[in-house]
Structure formats: structure tokens, C-alpha cells
C-alpha atoms as a PDB file:
ATOM      1  CA  THR A   1      17.633 -28.896  -0.025  1.00  0.00           C
ATOM      2  CA  ARG A   2      16.442 -26.753  -2.855  1.00  0.00           C
ATOM      3  CA  LEU A   3      13.753 -24.084  -2.658  1.00  0.00           C
ATOM      4  CA  VAL A   4      11.088 -24.476  -5.318  1.00  0.00           C
ATOM      5  CA  LEU A   5       8.593 -21.688  -5.910  1.00  0.00           C
ATOM      6  CA  SER A   6       5.386 -21.972  -7.896  1.00  0.00           C
ATOM      7  CA  GLY A   7       4.920 -19.734 -10.902  1.00  0.00           C
ATOM      8  CA  GLY A   8       2.533 -17.531  -8.936  1.00  0.00           C
ATOM      9  CA  SER A   9       4.931 -17.223  -6.010  1.00  0.00           C
ATOM     10  CA  MET A  10       7.814 -16.314  -8.303  1.00  0.00           C
ATOM     11  CA  SER A  11       5.699 -13.767 -10.158  1.00  0.00           C
ATOM     12  CA  ALA A  12       4.563 -12.221  -6.855  1.00  0.00           C
ATOM     13  CA  LEU A  13       8.141 -11.997  -5.643  1.00  0.00           C
ATOM     14  CA  GLU A  14       9.391 -10.411  -8.858  1.00  0.00           C
ATOM     15  CA  CYS A  15       6.523  -7.912  -9.058  1.00  0.00           C
ATOM     16  CA  SER A  16       6.888  -6.927  -5.406  1.00  0.00           C
ATOM     17  CA  ASN A  17      10.614  -6.338  -5.817  1.00  0.00           C
ATOM     18  CA  GLU A  18      10.090  -4.275  -8.969  1.00  0.00           C
ATOM     19  CA  ALA A  19       7.388  -2.245  -7.215  1.00  0.00           C
ATOM     20  CA  LEU A  20       9.682  -1.485  -4.289  1.00  0.00           C
ATOM     21  CA  GLU A  21      12.337  -0.263  -6.709  1.00  0.00           C
ATOM     22  CA  LEU A  22       9.825   1.996  -8.464  1.00  0.00           C
ATOM     23  CA  LEU A  23       8.686   3.438  -5.143  1.00  0.00           C
ATOM     24  CA  GLU A  24      12.174   4.836  -4.632  1.00  0.00           C
ATOM     25  CA  ARG A  25      11.428   7.360  -7.393  1.00  0.00           C
ATOM     26  CA  LYS A  26       8.825  10.084  -7.158  1.00  0.00           C
ATOM     27  CA  GLY A  27       6.092   9.947  -9.730  1.00  0.00           C
ATOM     28  CA  LEU A  28       6.139   6.200 -10.337  1.00  0.00           C
ATOM     29  CA  GLU A  29       3.736   5.237  -7.564  1.00  0.00           C
ATOM     30  CA  ARG A  30       0.862   4.330  -9.882  1.00  0.00           C
ATOM     31  CA  ASP A  31       3.147   1.987 -11.828  1.00  0.00           C
ATOM     32  CA  ALA A  32       4.298   0.461  -8.545  1.00  0.00           C
ATOM     33  CA  LEU A  33       0.675   0.001  -7.497  1.00  0.00           C
ATOM     34  CA  ARG A  34      -0.074  -1.943 -10.681  1.00  0.00           C
ATOM     35  CA  LEU A  35       2.846  -4.257  -9.902  1.00  0.00           C
ATOM     36  CA  LEU A  36       1.669  -4.694  -6.304  1.00  0.00           C
ATOM     37  CA  GLN A  37      -1.821  -5.556  -7.572  1.00  0.00           C
ATOM     38  CA  HIS A  38      -0.322  -8.129  -9.912  1.00  0.00           C
ATOM     39  CA  ALA A  39       1.786  -9.597  -7.082  1.00  0.00           C
ATOM     40  CA  SER A  40      -1.273  -9.988  -4.850  1.00  0.00           C
ATOM     41  CA  ALA A  41      -3.268 -11.588  -7.659  1.00  0.00           C
ATOM     42  CA  ALA A  42      -0.417 -13.932  -8.612  1.00  0.00           C
ATOM     43  CA  ASP A  43      -0.082 -15.290  -5.074  1.00  0.00           C
ATOM     44  CA  PRO A  44      -3.018 -14.353  -2.824  1.00  0.00           C
ATOM     45  CA  SER A  45      -1.440 -16.203   0.123  1.00  0.00           C
ATOM     46  CA  SER A  46       1.947 -14.442  -0.053  1.00  0.00           C
ATOM     47  CA  PRO A  47       2.480 -12.498   3.179  1.00  0.00           C
ATOM     48  CA  ASN A  48       5.122 -10.321   1.537  1.00  0.00           C
ATOM     49  CA  ALA A  49       2.984  -9.371  -1.450  1.00  0.00           C
ATOM     50  CA  PHE A  50       0.087  -8.712   0.918  1.00  0.00           C
ATOM     51  CA  SER A  51       2.140  -6.586   3.302  1.00  0.00           C
ATOM     52  CA  PHE A  52       3.754  -4.414   0.629  1.00  0.00           C
ATOM     53  CA  HIS A  53       0.436  -3.911  -1.169  1.00  0.00           C
ATOM     54  CA  LEU A  54      -1.560  -3.211   2.009  1.00  0.00           C
ATOM     55  CA  ASN A  55       0.992  -0.698   3.296  1.00  0.00           C
ATOM     56  CA  PHE A  56       0.961   1.148  -0.031  1.00  0.00           C
ATOM     57  CA  LEU A  57      -2.829   1.306  -0.104  1.00  0.00           C
ATOM     58  CA  TYR A  58      -3.042   2.497   3.491  1.00  0.00           C
ATOM     59  CA  THR A  59      -0.358   5.150   3.248  1.00  0.00           C
ATOM     60  CA  HIS A  60      -1.946   6.502   0.065  1.00  0.00           C
ATOM     61  CA  ALA A  61      -5.415   6.673   1.688  1.00  0.00           C
ATOM     62  CA  LYS A  62      -6.923   3.984  -0.513  1.00  0.00           C
ATOM     63  CA  ASP A  63      -8.846   2.633   2.455  1.00  0.00           C
ATOM     64  CA  SER A  64     -11.623   0.694   0.737  1.00  0.00           C
ATOM     65  CA  GLU A  65      -9.100  -1.082  -1.485  1.00  0.00           C
ATOM     66  CA  ALA A  66      -6.964  -1.833   1.575  1.00  0.00           C
ATOM     67  CA  ALA A  67      -9.951  -3.299   3.421  1.00  0.00           C
ATOM     68  CA  ALA A  68     -10.829  -5.506   0.439  1.00  0.00           C
ATOM     69  CA  LEU A  69      -7.223  -6.714   0.181  1.00  0.00           C
ATOM     70  CA  LEU A  70      -7.155  -7.503   3.895  1.00  0.00           C
ATOM     71  CA  GLU A  71     -10.345  -9.561   3.635  1.00  0.00           C
ATOM     72  CA  ALA A  72      -9.024 -11.448   0.600  1.00  0.00           C
ATOM     73  CA  PHE A  73      -5.766 -12.274   2.384  1.00  0.00           C
ATOM     74  CA  ALA A  74      -7.624 -13.265   5.565  1.00  0.00           C
ATOM     75  CA  ALA A  75      -9.769 -15.635   3.490  1.00  0.00           C
ATOM     76  CA  ALA A  76      -6.657 -17.157   1.879  1.00  0.00           C
ATOM     77  CA  VAL A  77      -4.606 -17.382   5.104  1.00  0.00           C
ATOM     78  CA  PRO A  78      -7.080 -17.062   7.998  1.00  0.00           C
ATOM     79  CA  ASP A  79      -4.582 -17.742  10.781  1.00  0.00           C
ATOM     80  CA  HIS A  80      -1.696 -15.591   9.556  1.00  0.00           C
ATOM     81  CA  PRO A  81      -0.019 -13.782  12.473  1.00  0.00           C
ATOM     82  CA  SER A  82       0.061 -10.427  10.649  1.00  0.00           C
ATOM     83  CA  LEU A  83      -3.735 -10.117  10.518  1.00  0.00           C
ATOM     84  CA  PRO A  84      -4.258  -8.461  13.924  1.00  0.00           C
ATOM     85  CA  ALA A  85      -1.606  -5.798  13.197  1.00  0.00           C
ATOM     86  CA  SER A  86      -3.029  -5.253   9.718  1.00  0.00           C
ATOM     87  CA  ARG A  87      -6.514  -4.782  11.122  1.00  0.00           C
ATOM     88  CA  ALA A  88      -5.155  -2.354  13.716  1.00  0.00           C
ATOM     89  CA  MET A  89      -3.428  -0.376  10.971  1.00  0.00           C
ATOM     90  CA  LEU A  90      -6.659  -0.058   8.978  1.00  0.00           C
ATOM     91  CA  ALA A  91      -8.433   1.050  12.154  1.00  0.00           C
ATOM     92  CA  ASP A  92      -5.866   3.880  12.445  1.00  0.00           C
ATOM     93  CA  ALA A  93      -4.547   2.298  15.652  1.00  0.00           C
ATOM     94  CA  SER A  94      -0.880   2.064  14.618  1.00  0.00           C
ATOM     95  CA  ALA A  95       1.044   5.254  15.422  1.00  0.00           C
ATOM     96  CA  PRO A  96       4.024   4.437  13.159  1.00  0.00           C
ATOM     97  CA  MET A  97       1.754   3.716  10.187  1.00  0.00           C
ATOM     98  CA  LEU A  98      -0.336   6.823  10.833  1.00  0.00           C
ATOM     99  CA  HIS A  99       2.877   8.850  10.799  1.00  0.00           C
ATOM    100  CA  GLN A 100       3.957   7.205   7.543  1.00  0.00           C
ATOM    101  CA  ARG A 101       0.504   7.858   6.062  1.00  0.00           C
ATOM    102  CA  GLY A 102       0.728  11.520   7.059  1.00  0.00           C
ATOM    103  CA  GLN A 103       4.171  11.849   5.503  1.00  0.00           C
ATOM    104  CA  THR A 104       3.087  10.155   2.293  1.00  0.00           C
ATOM    105  CA  LEU A 105      -0.048  12.266   1.951  1.00  0.00           C
ATOM    106  CA  ASN A 106       1.863  15.437   2.779  1.00  0.00           C
ATOM    107  CA  GLY A 107       4.306  14.610  -0.024  1.00  0.00           C
ATOM    108  CA  GLN A 108       1.400  14.151  -2.405  1.00  0.00           C
ATOM    109  CA  VAL A 109      -0.023  17.523  -1.330  1.00  0.00           C
ATOM    110  CA  ALA A 110       3.310  19.133  -2.146  1.00  0.00           C
ATOM    111  CA  ARG A 111       3.206  17.542  -5.598  1.00  0.00           C
ATOM    112  CA  MET A 112      -0.314  18.867  -6.162  1.00  0.00           C
ATOM    113  CA  ARG A 113       1.180  22.349  -6.190  1.00  0.00           C
ATOM    114  CA  ASP A 114       3.104  21.407  -9.333  1.00  0.00           C
ATOM    115  CA  PRO A 115       0.692  21.288 -12.291  1.00  0.00           C
ATOM    116  CA  GLY A 116       1.155  18.095 -14.258  1.00  0.00           C
ATOM    117  CA  ALA A 117       3.078  16.264 -11.539  1.00  0.00           C
ATOM    118  CA  PRO A 118       2.079  12.587 -11.319  1.00  0.00           C
ATOM    119  CA  LEU A 119      -0.025  11.800  -8.267  1.00  0.00           C
ATOM    120  CA  ALA A 120      -0.804   8.545  -6.486  1.00  0.00           C
ATOM    121  CA  VAL A 121      -3.806   9.719  -4.468  1.00  0.00           C
ATOM    122  CA  ASP A 122      -7.395  10.209  -5.549  1.00  0.00           C
ATOM    123  CA  PHE A 123      -8.512  13.303  -3.664  1.00  0.00           C
ATOM    124  CA  ALA A 124     -10.773  15.812  -5.394  1.00  0.00           C
ATOM    125  CA  SER A 125      -8.676  18.736  -4.178  1.00  0.00           C
ATOM    126  CA  ARG A 126      -5.420  19.651  -2.538  1.00  0.00           C
ATOM    127  CA  LEU A 127      -7.392  20.812   0.498  1.00  0.00           C
ATOM    128  CA  GLN A 128      -8.978  17.376   0.872  1.00  0.00           C
ATOM    129  CA  ALA A 129      -5.558  15.713   0.667  1.00  0.00           C
ATOM    130  CA  GLN A 130      -4.113  18.161   3.181  1.00  0.00           C
ATOM    131  CA  ASP A 131      -6.984  17.437   5.569  1.00  0.00           C
ATOM    132  CA  ALA A 132      -6.255  13.709   5.306  1.00  0.00           C
ATOM    133  CA  ALA A 133      -2.548  14.282   5.957  1.00  0.00           C
ATOM    134  CA  THR A 134      -3.294  16.521   8.945  1.00  0.00           C
ATOM    135  CA  SER A 135      -5.765  13.984  10.308  1.00  0.00           C
ATOM    136  CA  ALA A 136      -3.148  11.231  10.107  1.00  0.00           C
ATOM    137  CA  PHE A 137      -0.633  13.359  11.999  1.00  0.00           C
ATOM    138  CA  ALA A 138      -3.220  14.442  14.590  1.00  0.00           C
ATOM    139  CA  GLN A 139      -4.308  10.923  15.480  1.00  0.00           C
END
């Protein structure tokens, strides 16, 4: 038996893998996000592309984008078993993901102290980002 992937599935797989490699290096998060966006668009029903993309968006406090991605995936695969856990994560009801979000945001706050350092969050100020990190840890 041979596994055959559609062009979209293969593209999603390749982009997701490349994004995960980029995420191992500080400062390349925005490039990784572009690859995750491409992966989700290439195969909207891919649970892996969805999961990687959703986790990135959530941990980087891109909540409205995460909610839109969740709804798009739910429309494509309405009975997928990951949907309840994904909804719980976006409702800040997953302690491990809240901890990861706090760590990610705290790392971004640290980078904000370095003028010119590449950032992957869209807060207006370091104080706003620190408040979001603290809130994630406190919940």
C-alpha cells in the first residue's frame, strides 16, 4: 500500500515542517507564521496544519485570528475530535497552554527591551505585553 497525498496536503506538510524548524530560532516567528498560514490555506482540513497554526496564534496572543482559524477548521471538519480541546484553549481553560502562552509572551517582552529585535506580537507597548503574559500566568 502506498500513501498518496494531494498537492495541497503535501504543501501543508512541507510548510508546517519548515515553520516548526524556523520556530527553533528566535526572531523568525513572523516567517514561521507566514508558512503556517500557507499550510492552513493549502489544506484547510489538515489537523496538523490546523494544530500548529492555532497553537502559534494562541501563544502569541493573536486571539481573533485564532478564533477565525478555529471556525474555518470546524467548518471543514465539523466532527474532528480536537475541536473541544481547541475551543477550551481559546477560552483560556487549558492550564498547559496558558502556561505556554505566558512563557511565549514573557519572551517577547524580554525582546522588546532590545531595540530593533524582531517581534512576533502586536502589542502597542511592552507594558501591554507584560500584562498579557502576567494574565496568562495568573489564570
